[in-house]
Amino acid sequence: LTKNVPMFVCTMAYPTVPCPLHVFEPRYRLMIRRSMETGTKQFGMCISDSQNGFADYGCMLQIRNVHFLPDGRSVVDTIGGNRFRVLRRGMKDGYCTADIEYLEDVKV
């Protein structure tokens, strides 16, 4: 998953760290639903950036569980995965997307 990766522009996420989310905006509700339906169960998380829309670096989040509420909102249990660098930004149905490359740590 490196092309047209859905991006949740919100907060900072870190590898191996749980990141619970309360999803209420229609664009992100659609994004979460698509991530579940396609089976990827992943999306990128970046903080906001006033110049580019979102930061050049972020962290993939793996969806562990989603609790859909009757009014359409959802509580999403995610955990941080690989870090990445944004190569190209895009937009799909109101939410941001990006082409990314994964970062690898230098082994000590």
Protein backbone atom coordinates (compact mmCIF):
# COMPACT_ATOMS: atom_id res chain seq x y z
CA LEU A 1 0.00 0.00 0.00
CA THR A 2 2.05 2.94 -1.31
CA LYS A 3 -0.19 4.57 -3.97
CA ASN A 4 -3.25 6.71 -3.19
CA VAL A 5 -3.04 5.89 0.51
CA PRO A 6 -5.95 7.45 2.45
CA MET A 7 -4.65 10.09 4.86
CA PHE A 8 -6.28 11.03 8.17
CA VAL A 9 -5.05 14.54 8.97
CA CYS A 10 -5.35 14.86 12.71
CA THR A 11 -2.66 14.04 15.25
CA MET A 12 0.78 12.48 15.58
CA ALA A 13 0.93 8.67 15.54
CA TYR A 14 3.86 6.42 16.39
CA PRO A 15 4.82 2.83 15.53
CA THR A 16 3.48 0.22 18.02
CA VAL A 17 1.46 2.86 19.94
CA PRO A 18 -2.36 2.51 20.11
CA CYS A 19 -4.25 5.45 18.60
CA PRO A 20 -8.00 5.41 19.42
CA LEU A 21 -10.06 7.66 17.13
CA HIS A 22 -13.58 9.11 17.31
CA VAL A 23 -14.61 9.52 13.67
CA PHE A 24 -17.51 11.89 13.03
CA GLU A 25 -16.67 13.90 9.87
CA PRO A 26 -18.46 12.46 6.79
CA ARG A 27 -15.24 12.38 4.71
CA TYR A 28 -13.40 10.30 7.32
CA ARG A 29 -16.42 8.08 7.94
CA LEU A 30 -16.28 7.23 4.22
CA MET A 31 -12.52 6.69 4.38
CA ILE A 32 -12.78 4.26 7.33
CA ARG A 33 -15.65 2.37 5.69
CA ARG A 34 -13.64 1.98 2.47
CA SER A 35 -10.54 0.83 4.38
CA MET A 36 -12.62 -1.89 6.01
CA GLU A 37 -14.49 -2.93 2.85
CA THR A 38 -11.36 -3.20 0.68
CA GLY A 39 -9.66 -5.28 3.36
CA THR A 40 -6.53 -3.11 3.67
CA LYS A 41 -7.59 -1.98 7.15
CA GLN A 42 -4.88 0.69 6.94
CA PHE A 43 -4.55 4.41 6.41
CA GLY A 44 -1.90 7.06 6.99
CA MET A 45 -1.93 9.57 9.84
CA CYS A 46 -0.26 12.98 9.53
CA ILE A 47 -0.49 16.22 11.41
CA SER A 48 -1.81 19.31 9.66
CA ASP A 49 0.55 21.64 7.79
CA SER A 50 -0.61 25.12 6.75
CA GLN A 51 1.46 25.14 3.54
CA ASN A 52 0.93 21.62 2.18
CA GLY A 53 -2.27 20.51 3.92
CA PHE A 54 -0.48 17.79 5.88
CA ALA A 55 3.06 16.98 7.01
CA ASP A 56 5.73 15.37 4.81
CA TYR A 57 6.12 12.47 7.26
CA GLY A 58 3.59 10.28 9.02
CA CYS A 59 2.75 6.85 10.35
CA MET A 60 0.51 4.11 8.96
CA LEU A 61 -2.30 3.04 11.26
CA GLN A 62 -3.62 -0.52 11.28
CA ILE A 63 -7.31 -0.83 12.19
CA ARG A 64 -7.80 -3.42 14.93
CA ASN A 65 -11.50 -2.87 15.56
CA VAL A 66 -14.30 -0.48 14.55
CA HIS A 67 -17.46 0.16 16.54
CA PHE A 68 -20.05 1.82 14.32
CA LEU A 69 -22.57 3.95 16.22
CA PRO A 70 -26.24 4.22 15.13
CA ASP A 71 -25.84 7.86 13.99
CA GLY A 72 -22.95 7.03 11.61
CA ARG A 73 -20.07 7.99 13.86
CA SER A 74 -17.52 5.36 14.81
CA VAL A 75 -14.92 4.59 17.43
CA VAL A 76 -11.87 3.15 15.71
CA ASP A 77 -9.17 1.21 17.57
CA THR A 78 -5.89 1.54 15.64
CA ILE A 79 -2.23 0.89 16.30
CA GLY A 80 0.75 2.57 14.68
CA GLY A 81 2.69 0.69 12.02
CA ASN A 82 5.42 1.82 9.63
CA ARG A 83 6.58 5.40 9.30
CA PHE A 84 6.52 6.95 5.84
CA ARG A 85 7.49 9.96 3.74
CA VAL A 86 4.96 11.63 1.45
CA LEU A 87 6.01 11.71 -2.22
CA ARG A 88 2.84 13.13 -3.79
CA ARG A 89 -0.40 14.55 -2.41
CA GLY A 90 -3.89 14.02 -3.77
CA MET A 91 -7.58 14.14 -2.87
CA LYS A 92 -10.41 11.61 -3.16
CA ASP A 93 -14.04 12.31 -2.25
CA GLY A 94 -13.11 15.00 0.28
CA TYR A 95 -10.26 13.28 2.13
CA CYS A 96 -6.55 13.53 1.40
CA THR A 97 -4.52 10.78 -0.24
CA ALA A 98 -0.81 10.37 -0.84
CA ASP A 99 1.78 8.31 -2.64
CA ILE A 100 4.30 7.32 0.01
CA GLU A 101 7.56 5.51 0.60
CA TYR A 102 8.20 3.62 3.82
CA LEU A 103 11.13 4.59 6.04
CA GLU A 104 13.56 2.06 7.43
CA ASP A 105 15.56 2.50 10.60
CA VAL A 106 19.33 2.14 10.41
CA LYS A 107 20.29 -0.98 12.34
CA VAL A 108 22.71 -0.30 15.20
